[in-house]
């Protein structure tokens, strides 16, 4: 799993390495009409903000308008299916992620598409850490080790909230329970905001939340972060340890990637991979990522295949251990 601690300096050679082989191939393809980027979640969320920031730059470099089209529903499956069935000509791109391209095939009993066969990976795009939050006025654990010790002493008694059964925050906690050898009580909410209200009210002892929103709560002193879900600490919360410091090997960022409908011509895929590689050295884009506690994760298309195989296997275990299932 690539770490979110990657620096812009270290990405420069990688961006060049990804872009240069693609230049000759990419010259044979350019969009001849507006391009759409389909996101599988509602406007206003992290994926929407990130996709629209990318679209602004891509509109300039591609020479055609790049339009972000939100197709929310079914945990990301609706948007993924629309993208998978689109004409594979390079003019439709899917802004997918962990839910739509790694988790849902284990979580849902039926899908209208096959994420492994119907969507071709262009490249890894963005990684965001999740922060483990507590309410210090209700459960003031000193650190991750003390939380784990309490959970082991009282199995199934400490409750945690999530964005809903089968959500990334639910399954990330399931992986933590497995890695730390603890048992917690799951309380699903309908979104991160209701879960945060439950945490502040003492209904639950802890919850995972994405770093962009968690950082605001921590800086305001409303909630306390015990750890972040990535292998290393993140710049947005430099004093918050990585959970891996107490649970060795734990590294579970939320990630976003770009995909194209299977059958998209190689020259079009090459051009899109070139554009993604260039994004990581664009000052305005990297500044936007820093403001949102996110980092560029540079994995080129073909290298994503083994990554996705590993991710799907990992989340299949998390789904099975959690008992979550959606019909």
C-alpha atoms as a PDB file:
ATOM      1  CA  UNK A   1       0.000   0.000   0.000  1.00  0.00           C
ATOM      2  CA  UNK A   2       1.571   3.333  -1.019  1.00  0.00           C
ATOM      3  CA  UNK A   3       2.000   5.703   1.901  1.00  0.00           C
ATOM      4  CA  UNK A   4       0.354   9.114   1.938  1.00  0.00           C
ATOM      5  CA  UNK A   5       3.612  10.506   3.284  1.00  0.00           C
ATOM      6  CA  UNK A   6       4.904  10.744  -0.296  1.00  0.00           C
ATOM      7  CA  UNK A   7       6.415  14.161  -0.895  1.00  0.00           C
ATOM      8  CA  UNK A   8       6.040  16.312  -3.962  1.00  0.00           C
ATOM      9  CA  UNK A   9       9.809  16.153  -4.487  1.00  0.00           C
ATOM     10  CA  UNK A  10       9.807  12.352  -4.546  1.00  0.00           C
ATOM     11  CA  UNK A  11       6.912  12.347  -7.023  1.00  0.00           C
ATOM     12  CA  UNK A  12       8.690  14.494  -9.602  1.00  0.00           C
ATOM     13  CA  UNK A  13      10.893  11.695 -10.998  1.00  0.00           C
ATOM     14  CA  UNK A  14       7.948   9.284 -10.903  1.00  0.00           C
ATOM     15  CA  UNK A  15       5.694  11.714 -12.729  1.00  0.00           C
ATOM     16  CA  UNK A  16       8.323  12.121 -15.403  1.00  0.00           C
ATOM     17  CA  UNK A  17       8.779   8.373 -15.657  1.00  0.00           C
ATOM     18  CA  UNK A  18       5.049   7.873 -16.127  1.00  0.00           C
ATOM     19  CA  UNK A  19       4.566  10.724 -18.547  1.00  0.00           C
ATOM     20  CA  UNK A  20       7.509  10.300 -20.900  1.00  0.00           C
ATOM     21  CA  UNK A  21       6.698   6.841 -22.292  1.00  0.00           C
ATOM     22  CA  UNK A  22       3.150   8.004 -22.898  1.00  0.00           C
ATOM     23  CA  UNK A  23       3.986  11.152 -24.833  1.00  0.00           C
ATOM     24  CA  UNK A  24       4.570   9.488 -28.199  1.00  0.00           C
ATOM     25  CA  UNK A  25       1.442   7.359 -27.924  1.00  0.00           C
ATOM     26  CA  UNK A  26      -0.669  10.175 -26.513  1.00  0.00           C
ATOM     27  CA  UNK A  27       0.071  12.411 -29.498  1.00  0.00           C
ATOM     28  CA  UNK A  28      -2.152  10.169 -31.631  1.00  0.00           C
ATOM     29  CA  UNK A  29      -5.257  10.858 -29.516  1.00  0.00           C
ATOM     30  CA  UNK A  30      -6.948  14.015 -28.299  1.00  0.00           C
ATOM     31  CA  UNK A  31     -10.598  14.532 -27.356  1.00  0.00           C
ATOM     32  CA  UNK A  32     -12.633  16.140 -30.143  1.00  0.00           C
ATOM     33  CA  UNK A  33     -15.618  17.117 -27.997  1.00  0.00           C
ATOM     34  CA  UNK A  34     -16.403  17.707 -24.289  1.00  0.00           C
ATOM     35  CA  UNK A  35     -15.272  15.041 -21.846  1.00  0.00           C
ATOM     36  CA  UNK A  36     -17.276  13.912 -18.824  1.00  0.00           C
ATOM     37  CA  UNK A  37     -15.947  12.654 -15.518  1.00  0.00           C
ATOM     38  CA  UNK A  38     -18.573  10.594 -13.711  1.00  0.00           C
ATOM     39  CA  UNK A  39     -18.474  10.606  -9.918  1.00  0.00           C
ATOM     40  CA  UNK A  40     -20.612   8.043  -8.051  1.00  0.00           C
ATOM     41  CA  UNK A  41     -21.506  10.237  -5.068  1.00  0.00           C
ATOM     42  CA  UNK A  42     -23.590  13.340  -4.445  1.00  0.00           C
ATOM     43  CA  UNK A  43     -22.236  16.835  -5.168  1.00  0.00           C
ATOM     44  CA  UNK A  44     -20.476  18.575  -2.303  1.00  0.00           C
ATOM     45  CA  UNK A  45     -18.553  15.592  -0.953  1.00  0.00           C
ATOM     46  CA  UNK A  46     -14.829  14.901  -1.105  1.00  0.00           C
ATOM     47  CA  UNK A  47     -14.978  13.119  -4.467  1.00  0.00           C
ATOM     48  CA  UNK A  48     -16.919  16.015  -5.979  1.00  0.00           C
ATOM     49  CA  UNK A  49     -14.476  18.652  -4.707  1.00  0.00           C
ATOM     50  CA  UNK A  50     -11.452  16.684  -5.869  1.00  0.00           C
ATOM     51  CA  UNK A  51     -12.904  15.791  -9.268  1.00  0.00           C
ATOM     52  CA  UNK A  52     -13.924  19.370 -10.017  1.00  0.00           C
ATOM     53  CA  UNK A  53     -10.477  20.674  -9.114  1.00  0.00           C
ATOM     54  CA  UNK A  54      -8.940  18.149 -11.498  1.00  0.00           C
ATOM     55  CA  UNK A  55     -11.475  19.012 -14.193  1.00  0.00           C
ATOM     56  CA  UNK A  56     -10.481  22.688 -14.122  1.00  0.00           C
ATOM     57  CA  UNK A  57      -6.892  21.824 -14.979  1.00  0.00           C
ATOM     58  CA  UNK A  58      -7.783  19.091 -17.466  1.00  0.00           C
ATOM     59  CA  UNK A  59     -10.022  21.489 -19.382  1.00  0.00           C
ATOM     60  CA  UNK A  60      -6.920  23.532 -20.121  1.00  0.00           C
ATOM     61  CA  UNK A  61      -4.519  20.700 -20.922  1.00  0.00           C
ATOM     62  CA  UNK A  62      -6.961  18.623 -22.986  1.00  0.00           C
ATOM     63  CA  UNK A  63      -8.304  21.567 -24.932  1.00  0.00           C
ATOM     64  CA  UNK A  64     -11.931  20.516 -24.395  1.00  0.00           C
ATOM     65  CA  UNK A  65     -14.442  21.214 -21.613  1.00  0.00           C
ATOM     66  CA  UNK A  66     -14.268  18.583 -18.871  1.00  0.00           C
ATOM     67  CA  UNK A  67     -17.640  18.233 -17.166  1.00  0.00           C
ATOM     68  CA  UNK A  68     -18.135  16.531 -13.800  1.00  0.00           C
ATOM     69  CA  UNK A  69     -21.354  14.511 -13.745  1.00  0.00           C
ATOM     70  CA  UNK A  70     -22.628  13.230 -10.391  1.00  0.00           C
ATOM     71  CA  UNK A  71     -24.472   9.905 -10.540  1.00  0.00           C
ATOM     72  CA  UNK A  72     -25.042   9.005  -6.874  1.00  0.00           C
ATOM     73  CA  UNK A  73     -26.827   5.898  -5.672  1.00  0.00           C
ATOM     74  CA  UNK A  74     -26.375   2.332  -4.447  1.00  0.00           C
ATOM     75  CA  UNK A  75     -23.120   3.043  -2.642  1.00  0.00           C
ATOM     76  CA  UNK A  76     -21.385   4.165  -5.827  1.00  0.00           C
ATOM     77  CA  UNK A  77     -22.679   1.345  -8.022  1.00  0.00           C
ATOM     78  CA  UNK A  78     -25.024   3.481 -10.105  1.00  0.00           C
ATOM     79  CA  UNK A  79     -22.296   5.826 -11.317  1.00  0.00           C
ATOM     80  CA  UNK A  80     -19.893   2.938 -11.907  1.00  0.00           C
ATOM     81  CA  UNK A  81     -22.461   1.100 -14.024  1.00  0.00           C
ATOM     82  CA  UNK A  82     -23.171   4.198 -16.115  1.00  0.00           C
ATOM     83  CA  UNK A  83     -19.443   4.597 -16.757  1.00  0.00           C
ATOM     84  CA  UNK A  84     -18.937   0.891 -17.496  1.00  0.00           C
ATOM     85  CA  UNK A  85     -21.670   1.006 -20.166  1.00  0.00           C
ATOM     86  CA  UNK A  86     -20.484   4.248 -21.766  1.00  0.00           C
ATOM     87  CA  UNK A  87     -18.970   4.303 -25.243  1.00  0.00           C
ATOM     88  CA  UNK A  88     -15.277   3.383 -24.802  1.00  0.00           C
ATOM     89  CA  UNK A  89     -13.758   6.233 -26.810  1.00  0.00           C
ATOM     90  CA  UNK A  90     -11.844   8.194 -24.170  1.00  0.00           C
ATOM     91  CA  UNK A  91     -14.550  10.815 -23.676  1.00  0.00           C
ATOM     92  CA  UNK A  92     -16.032   9.237 -20.524  1.00  0.00           C
ATOM     93  CA  UNK A  93     -13.929   8.776 -17.383  1.00  0.00           C
ATOM     94  CA  UNK A  94     -14.998   7.323 -14.054  1.00  0.00           C
ATOM     95  CA  UNK A  95     -13.751   8.872 -10.809  1.00  0.00           C
ATOM     96  CA  UNK A  96     -13.980   5.723  -8.690  1.00  0.00           C
ATOM     97  CA  UNK A  97     -12.536   4.582  -5.431  1.00  0.00           C
ATOM     98  CA  UNK A  98     -12.433   2.010  -2.711  1.00  0.00           C
ATOM     99  CA  UNK A  99     -16.198   1.505  -2.470  1.00  0.00           C
ATOM    100  CA  UNK A 100     -17.054   1.299  -6.156  1.00  0.00           C
ATOM    101  CA  UNK A 101     -13.960  -0.576  -7.334  1.00  0.00           C
ATOM    102  CA  UNK A 102     -12.824  -2.733  -4.416  1.00  0.00           C
ATOM    103  CA  UNK A 103     -15.494  -3.167  -1.729  1.00  0.00           C
ATOM    104  CA  UNK A 104     -18.886  -3.374  -3.414  1.00  0.00           C
ATOM    105  CA  UNK A 105     -18.342  -6.609  -5.301  1.00  0.00           C
ATOM    106  CA  UNK A 106     -18.089  -8.344  -1.911  1.00  0.00           C
ATOM    107  CA  UNK A 107     -20.705  -6.224  -0.168  1.00  0.00           C
ATOM    108  CA  UNK A 108     -23.534  -6.417  -2.734  1.00  0.00           C
ATOM    109  CA  UNK A 109     -25.083  -9.737  -3.712  1.00  0.00           C
ATOM    110  CA  UNK A 110     -25.759  -8.460  -7.248  1.00  0.00           C
ATOM    111  CA  UNK A 111     -24.049  -5.820  -9.377  1.00  0.00           C
ATOM    112  CA  UNK A 112     -25.015  -4.610 -12.832  1.00  0.00           C
ATOM    113  CA  UNK A 113     -21.355  -4.500 -13.847  1.00  0.00           C
ATOM    114  CA  UNK A 114     -18.052  -6.228 -13.087  1.00  0.00           C
ATOM    115  CA  UNK A 115     -15.544  -3.704 -11.683  1.00  0.00           C
ATOM    116  CA  UNK A 116     -12.617  -5.950 -12.610  1.00  0.00           C
ATOM    117  CA  UNK A 117     -13.696  -6.518 -16.225  1.00  0.00           C
ATOM    118  CA  UNK A 118     -15.776  -3.522 -17.221  1.00  0.00           C
ATOM    119  CA  UNK A 119     -13.577  -0.638 -16.014  1.00  0.00           C
ATOM    120  CA  UNK A 120      -9.966  -0.234 -17.132  1.00  0.00           C
ATOM    121  CA  UNK A 121      -7.692   1.518 -14.605  1.00  0.00           C
ATOM    122  CA  UNK A 122      -6.056   4.725 -15.778  1.00  0.00           C
ATOM    123  CA  UNK A 123      -4.168   5.491 -12.596  1.00  0.00           C
ATOM    124  CA  UNK A 124      -4.284   6.054  -8.877  1.00  0.00           C
ATOM    125  CA  UNK A 125      -5.308   9.556  -8.121  1.00  0.00           C
ATOM    126  CA  UNK A 126      -5.690  10.625  -4.520  1.00  0.00           C
ATOM    127  CA  UNK A 127      -5.365   9.116  -1.052  1.00  0.00           C
ATOM    128  CA  UNK A 128      -6.991  10.436   2.094  1.00  0.00           C
ATOM    129  CA  UNK A 129      -6.275   9.251   5.614  1.00  0.00           C
ATOM    130  CA  UNK A 130      -9.083   8.474   8.034  1.00  0.00           C
ATOM    131  CA  UNK A 131      -8.682   9.717  11.582  1.00  0.00           C
ATOM    132  CA  UNK A 132      -9.862   7.736  14.616  1.00  0.00           C
ATOM    133  CA  UNK A 133     -11.808  10.254  16.707  1.00  0.00           C
ATOM    134  CA  UNK A 134     -12.916  10.229  20.333  1.00  0.00           C
ATOM    135  CA  UNK A 135     -14.794  12.682  22.534  1.00  0.00           C
ATOM    136  CA  UNK A 136     -12.294  13.515  25.310  1.00  0.00           C
ATOM    137  CA  UNK A 137     -15.148  14.651  27.539  1.00  0.00           C
ATOM    138  CA  UNK A 138     -16.673  11.152  27.447  1.00  0.00           C
ATOM    139  CA  UNK A 139     -13.852   8.671  26.744  1.00  0.00           C
ATOM    140  CA  UNK A 140     -10.492  10.349  27.160  1.00  0.00           C
ATOM    141  CA  UNK A 141      -8.129   7.564  26.123  1.00  0.00           C
ATOM    142  CA  UNK A 142      -4.523   8.701  26.357  1.00  0.00           C
ATOM    143  CA  UNK A 143      -3.506   6.948  23.151  1.00  0.00           C
ATOM    144  CA  UNK A 144      -4.254   3.998  20.866  1.00  0.00           C
ATOM    145  CA  UNK A 145      -2.599   1.528  23.226  1.00  0.00           C
ATOM    146  CA  UNK A 146      -4.910   2.521  26.092  1.00  0.00           C
ATOM    147  CA  UNK A 147      -7.971   2.227  23.842  1.00  0.00           C
ATOM    148  CA  UNK A 148      -6.882  -1.226  22.721  1.00  0.00           C
ATOM    149  CA  UNK A 149      -6.250  -2.296  26.310  1.00  0.00           C
ATOM    150  CA  UNK A 150      -9.729  -1.128  27.336  1.00  0.00           C
ATOM    151  CA  UNK A 151     -11.315  -2.948  24.402  1.00  0.00           C
ATOM    152  CA  UNK A 152      -9.508  -6.183  25.252  1.00  0.00           C
ATOM    153  CA  UNK A 153     -10.579  -5.943  28.876  1.00  0.00           C
ATOM    154  CA  UNK A 154     -14.223  -5.375  27.878  1.00  0.00           C
ATOM    155  CA  UNK A 155     -14.861  -7.159  24.571  1.00  0.00           C
ATOM    156  CA  UNK A 156     -17.927  -5.921  22.707  1.00  0.00           C
ATOM    157  CA  UNK A 157     -18.633  -3.129  25.185  1.00  0.00           C
ATOM    158  CA  UNK A 158     -17.024  -0.092  23.516  1.00  0.00           C
ATOM    159  CA  UNK A 159     -19.199   1.211  20.692  1.00  0.00           C
ATOM    160  CA  UNK A 160     -18.065   2.873  17.492  1.00  0.00           C
ATOM    161  CA  UNK A 161     -20.046   4.709  14.867  1.00  0.00           C
ATOM    162  CA  UNK A 162     -19.833   4.565  11.093  1.00  0.00           C
ATOM    163  CA  UNK A 163     -21.385   6.154   8.017  1.00  0.00           C
ATOM    164  CA  UNK A 164     -23.495   3.011   7.626  1.00  0.00           C
ATOM    165  CA  UNK A 165     -23.186  -0.754   7.379  1.00  0.00           C
ATOM    166  CA  UNK A 166     -20.614  -1.660   4.743  1.00  0.00           C
ATOM    167  CA  UNK A 167     -19.251   1.890   4.493  1.00  0.00           C
ATOM    168  CA  UNK A 168     -15.523   2.598   4.348  1.00  0.00           C
ATOM    169  CA  UNK A 169     -15.551   3.824   7.955  1.00  0.00           C
ATOM    170  CA  UNK A 170     -17.310   0.637   9.088  1.00  0.00           C
ATOM    171  CA  UNK A 171     -14.948  -1.699   7.249  1.00  0.00           C
ATOM    172  CA  UNK A 172     -11.815   0.246   8.196  1.00  0.00           C
ATOM    173  CA  UNK A 173     -12.749  -0.318  11.825  1.00  0.00           C
ATOM    174  CA  UNK A 174     -13.374  -3.994  11.067  1.00  0.00           C
ATOM    175  CA  UNK A 175      -9.817  -4.243   9.730  1.00  0.00           C
ATOM    176  CA  UNK A 176      -8.506  -2.469  12.838  1.00  0.00           C
ATOM    177  CA  UNK A 177     -10.363  -4.885  15.114  1.00  0.00           C
ATOM    178  CA  UNK A 178      -8.859  -7.779  13.207  1.00  0.00           C
ATOM    179  CA  UNK A 179      -5.328  -6.343  13.286  1.00  0.00           C
ATOM    180  CA  UNK A 180      -5.465  -5.346  16.971  1.00  0.00           C
ATOM    181  CA  UNK A 181      -7.317  -8.442  18.173  1.00  0.00           C
ATOM    182  CA  UNK A 182     -10.214  -6.524  19.704  1.00  0.00           C
ATOM    183  CA  UNK A 183     -14.013  -6.674  19.581  1.00  0.00           C
ATOM    184  CA  UNK A 184     -16.113  -3.498  19.375  1.00  0.00           C
ATOM    185  CA  UNK A 185     -19.844  -2.792  19.057  1.00  0.00           C
ATOM    186  CA  UNK A 186     -20.873  -1.290  15.720  1.00  0.00           C
ATOM    187  CA  UNK A 187     -23.489   1.482  15.632  1.00  0.00           C
ATOM    188  CA  UNK A 188     -24.299   2.481  12.022  1.00  0.00           C
ATOM    189  CA  UNK A 189     -25.496   6.007  11.241  1.00  0.00           C
ATOM    190  CA  UNK A 190     -26.743   7.573   8.024  1.00  0.00           C
ATOM    191  CA  UNK A 191     -23.620   9.552   7.245  1.00  0.00           C
ATOM    192  CA  UNK A 192     -20.598  11.004   9.000  1.00  0.00           C
ATOM    193  CA  UNK A 193     -22.403  14.080  10.366  1.00  0.00           C
ATOM    194  CA  UNK A 194     -24.973  12.058  12.388  1.00  0.00           C
ATOM    195  CA  UNK A 195     -22.156   9.794  13.607  1.00  0.00           C
ATOM    196  CA  UNK A 196     -20.167  12.825  14.783  1.00  0.00           C
ATOM    197  CA  UNK A 197     -23.266  14.084  16.659  1.00  0.00           C
ATOM    198  CA  UNK A 198     -23.532  10.650  18.286  1.00  0.00           C
ATOM    199  CA  UNK A 199     -19.881  10.822  19.281  1.00  0.00           C
ATOM    200  CA  UNK A 200     -20.228  14.282  20.787  1.00  0.00           C
ATOM    201  CA  UNK A 201     -23.336  13.153  22.654  1.00  0.00           C
ATOM    202  CA  UNK A 202     -21.651  10.091  24.127  1.00  0.00           C
ATOM    203  CA  UNK A 203     -23.709   7.493  22.223  1.00  0.00           C
ATOM    204  CA  UNK A 204     -20.489   5.974  20.871  1.00  0.00           C
ATOM    205  CA  UNK A 205     -16.891   5.943  22.064  1.00  0.00           C
ATOM    206  CA  UNK A 206     -15.140   6.449  18.729  1.00  0.00           C
ATOM    207  CA  UNK A 207     -15.466   6.707  14.954  1.00  0.00           C
ATOM    208  CA  UNK A 208     -13.347   6.984  11.839  1.00  0.00           C
ATOM    209  CA  UNK A 209     -13.779  10.085   9.721  1.00  0.00           C
ATOM    210  CA  UNK A 210     -11.976  11.364   6.639  1.00  0.00           C
ATOM    211  CA  UNK A 211      -9.050  13.654   7.399  1.00  0.00           C
ATOM    212  CA  UNK A 212     -10.542  16.744   5.672  1.00  0.00           C
ATOM    213  CA  UNK A 213     -13.529  16.927   8.039  1.00  0.00           C
ATOM    214  CA  UNK A 214     -11.775  15.322  11.017  1.00  0.00           C
ATOM    215  CA  UNK A 215      -9.032  17.952  10.898  1.00  0.00           C
ATOM    216  CA  UNK A 216     -11.592  20.713  11.360  1.00  0.00           C
ATOM    217  CA  UNK A 217     -13.064  19.001  14.438  1.00  0.00           C
ATOM    218  CA  UNK A 218      -9.641  18.379  15.966  1.00  0.00           C
ATOM    219  CA  UNK A 219      -8.368  21.913  15.388  1.00  0.00           C
ATOM    220  CA  UNK A 220     -11.565  23.311  16.897  1.00  0.00           C
ATOM    221  CA  UNK A 221     -11.022  21.144  19.993  1.00  0.00           C
ATOM    222  CA  UNK A 222     -14.415  19.487  19.577  1.00  0.00           C
ATOM    223  CA  UNK A 223     -12.974  15.996  19.173  1.00  0.00           C
ATOM    224  CA  UNK A 224      -9.598  14.337  19.674  1.00  0.00           C
ATOM    225  CA  UNK A 225      -7.781  12.205  17.127  1.00  0.00           C
ATOM    226  CA  UNK A 226      -5.994   9.158  18.530  1.00  0.00           C
ATOM    227  CA  UNK A 227      -4.465   8.064  15.252  1.00  0.00           C
ATOM    228  CA  UNK A 228      -4.626   8.170  11.469  1.00  0.00           C
ATOM    229  CA  UNK A 229      -5.189   5.142   9.274  1.00  0.00           C
ATOM    230  CA  UNK A 230      -2.101   5.546   7.096  1.00  0.00           C
ATOM    231  CA  UNK A 231       1.346   4.052   7.629  1.00  0.00           C
ATOM    232  CA  UNK A 232       2.831   7.451   8.503  1.00  0.00           C
ATOM    233  CA  UNK A 233       1.540  10.615  10.108  1.00  0.00           C
ATOM    234  CA  UNK A 234      -0.044  13.238   7.864  1.00  0.00           C
ATOM    235  CA  UNK A 235       0.975  16.876   7.497  1.00  0.00           C
ATOM    236  CA  UNK A 236      -2.503  18.132   8.375  1.00  0.00           C
ATOM    237  CA  UNK A 237      -2.287  16.486  11.838  1.00  0.00           C
ATOM    238  CA  UNK A 238       1.455  16.188  12.504  1.00  0.00           C
ATOM    239  CA  UNK A 239       1.068  15.546  16.243  1.00  0.00           C
ATOM    240  CA  UNK A 240      -1.387  12.672  15.751  1.00  0.00           C
ATOM    241  CA  UNK A 241       0.351   9.268  15.589  1.00  0.00           C
ATOM    242  CA  UNK A 242      -0.238   6.780  12.836  1.00  0.00           C
ATOM    243  CA  UNK A 243      -2.254   3.841  14.144  1.00  0.00           C
ATOM    244  CA  UNK A 244       0.587   1.704  12.795  1.00  0.00           C
ATOM    245  CA  UNK A 245       2.752   3.000  15.642  1.00  0.00           C
ATOM    246  CA  UNK A 246       0.580   0.945  18.003  1.00  0.00           C
ATOM    247  CA  UNK A 247      -0.689  -1.667  15.507  1.00  0.00           C
ATOM    248  CA  UNK A 248       2.272  -2.517  13.242  1.00  0.00           C
ATOM    249  CA  UNK A 249       1.430  -2.870   9.565  1.00  0.00           C
ATOM    250  CA  UNK A 250      -1.913  -1.053   9.715  1.00  0.00           C
ATOM    251  CA  UNK A 251      -2.177   1.100   6.581  1.00  0.00           C
ATOM    252  CA  UNK A 252      -5.691   1.790   5.277  1.00  0.00           C
ATOM    253  CA  UNK A 253      -6.069   5.051   3.362  1.00  0.00           C
ATOM    254  CA  UNK A 254      -9.198   5.847   1.423  1.00  0.00           C
ATOM    255  CA  UNK A 255      -8.246   6.190  -2.222  1.00  0.00           C
ATOM    256  CA  UNK A 256      -9.657   7.525  -5.446  1.00  0.00           C
ATOM    257  CA  UNK A 257      -8.621   6.518  -8.958  1.00  0.00           C
ATOM    258  CA  UNK A 258      -9.615   7.164 -12.547  1.00  0.00           C
ATOM    259  CA  UNK A 259     -11.009   4.438 -14.792  1.00  0.00           C
ATOM    260  CA  UNK A 260     -12.268   4.210 -18.360  1.00  0.00           C
ATOM    261  CA  UNK A 261     -14.812   1.841 -19.900  1.00  0.00           C
ATOM    262  CA  UNK A 262     -13.132  -1.391 -20.944  1.00  0.00           C
ATOM    263  CA  UNK A 263     -12.270  -1.316 -24.624  1.00  0.00           C
ATOM    264  CA  UNK A 264     -11.075   2.295 -24.562  1.00  0.00           C
ATOM    265  CA  UNK A 265      -8.249   2.540 -27.149  1.00  0.00           C
ATOM    266  CA  UNK A 266      -4.714   2.412 -25.801  1.00  0.00           C
ATOM    267  CA  UNK A 267      -3.761   5.845 -27.216  1.00  0.00           C
ATOM    268  CA  UNK A 268      -6.624   7.414 -25.242  1.00  0.00           C
ATOM    269  CA  UNK A 269      -5.602   5.580 -22.068  1.00  0.00           C
ATOM    270  CA  UNK A 270      -2.008   6.706 -22.622  1.00  0.00           C
ATOM    271  CA  UNK A 271      -3.079  10.337 -22.919  1.00  0.00           C
ATOM    272  CA  UNK A 272      -5.128  10.132 -19.741  1.00  0.00           C
ATOM    273  CA  UNK A 273      -2.204   8.543 -17.882  1.00  0.00           C
ATOM    274  CA  UNK A 274       0.022  11.335 -19.092  1.00  0.00           C
ATOM    275  CA  UNK A 275      -2.471  13.904 -17.797  1.00  0.00           C
ATOM    276  CA  UNK A 276      -2.655  12.235 -14.378  1.00  0.00           C
ATOM    277  CA  UNK A 277       1.122  12.148 -14.074  1.00  0.00           C
ATOM    278  CA  UNK A 278       1.257  15.861 -14.832  1.00  0.00           C
ATOM    279  CA  UNK A 279      -1.345  16.639 -12.151  1.00  0.00           C
ATOM    280  CA  UNK A 280       1.048  15.741  -9.338  1.00  0.00           C
ATOM    281  CA  UNK A 281       3.441  18.567 -10.282  1.00  0.00           C
ATOM    282  CA  UNK A 282       0.771  21.201 -10.848  1.00  0.00           C
ATOM    283  CA  UNK A 283       1.149  23.758  -8.010  1.00  0.00           C
ATOM    284  CA  UNK A 284      -2.531  24.742  -7.840  1.00  0.00           C
ATOM    285  CA  UNK A 285      -3.678  21.138  -7.730  1.00  0.00           C
ATOM    286  CA  UNK A 286      -1.153  20.026  -5.103  1.00  0.00           C
ATOM    287  CA  UNK A 287      -2.052  23.060  -2.987  1.00  0.00           C
ATOM    288  CA  UNK A 288      -5.728  22.037  -3.188  1.00  0.00           C
ATOM    289  CA  UNK A 289      -4.798  18.531  -2.032  1.00  0.00           C
ATOM    290  CA  UNK A 290      -2.875  19.944   0.937  1.00  0.00           C
ATOM    291  CA  UNK A 291      -5.868  22.102   1.939  1.00  0.00           C
ATOM    292  CA  UNK A 292      -8.027  18.976   1.925  1.00  0.00           C
ATOM    293  CA  UNK A 293      -5.547  16.806   3.873  1.00  0.00           C
ATOM    294  CA  UNK A 294      -5.066  14.640   0.790  1.00  0.00           C
ATOM    295  CA  UNK A 295      -2.058  13.444  -1.182  1.00  0.00           C
ATOM    296  CA  UNK A 296      -1.384  12.345  -4.718  1.00  0.00           C
ATOM    297  CA  UNK A 297      -0.833   8.585  -4.949  1.00  0.00           C
ATOM    298  CA  UNK A 298       1.005   7.863  -8.191  1.00  0.00           C
ATOM    299  CA  UNK A 299       0.295   4.359  -9.489  1.00  0.00           C
ATOM    300  CA  UNK A 300       0.217   4.009 -13.278  1.00  0.00           C
ATOM    301  CA  UNK A 301      -2.515   2.007 -14.980  1.00  0.00           C
ATOM    302  CA  UNK A 302      -0.862  -1.379 -15.463  1.00  0.00           C
ATOM    303  CA  UNK A 303       0.642  -1.266 -11.972  1.00  0.00           C
ATOM    304  CA  UNK A 304      -2.862  -0.769 -10.608  1.00  0.00           C
ATOM    305  CA  UNK A 305      -3.947  -4.265 -11.619  1.00  0.00           C
ATOM    306  CA  UNK A 306      -2.063  -6.089  -8.803  1.00  0.00           C
ATOM    307  CA  UNK A 307      -2.965  -3.257  -6.429  1.00  0.00           C
ATOM    308  CA  UNK A 308      -6.671  -3.719  -7.165  1.00  0.00           C
ATOM    309  CA  UNK A 309      -6.432  -7.502  -6.811  1.00  0.00           C
ATOM    310  CA  UNK A 310      -4.878  -7.037  -3.361  1.00  0.00           C
ATOM    311  CA  UNK A 311      -7.426  -4.404  -2.343  1.00  0.00           C
ATOM    312  CA  UNK A 312     -10.411  -6.514  -3.389  1.00  0.00           C
ATOM    313  CA  UNK A 313      -9.068  -9.475  -1.430  1.00  0.00           C
ATOM    314  CA  UNK A 314      -8.452  -7.333   1.649  1.00  0.00           C
ATOM    315  CA  UNK A 315     -11.906  -5.775   1.612  1.00  0.00           C
ATOM    316  CA  UNK A 316     -13.537  -9.131   0.974  1.00  0.00           C
ATOM    317  CA  UNK A 317     -12.069 -10.234   4.308  1.00  0.00           C
ATOM    318  CA  UNK A 318     -13.300  -7.049   5.993  1.00  0.00           C
ATOM    319  CA  UNK A 319     -16.826  -7.528   4.603  1.00  0.00           C
ATOM    320  CA  UNK A 320     -16.880 -11.159   5.715  1.00  0.00           C
ATOM    321  CA  UNK A 321     -15.577 -10.341   9.210  1.00  0.00           C
ATOM    322  CA  UNK A 322     -18.035  -7.466   9.620  1.00  0.00           C
ATOM    323  CA  UNK A 323     -21.028  -9.526   8.510  1.00  0.00           C
ATOM    324  CA  UNK A 324     -22.220  -6.660   6.307  1.00  0.00           C
ATOM    325  CA  UNK A 325     -24.244  -7.522   3.217  1.00  0.00           C
ATOM    326  CA  UNK A 326     -26.474  -5.522   0.901  1.00  0.00           C
ATOM    327  CA  UNK A 327     -29.068  -7.168  -1.332  1.00  0.00           C
END
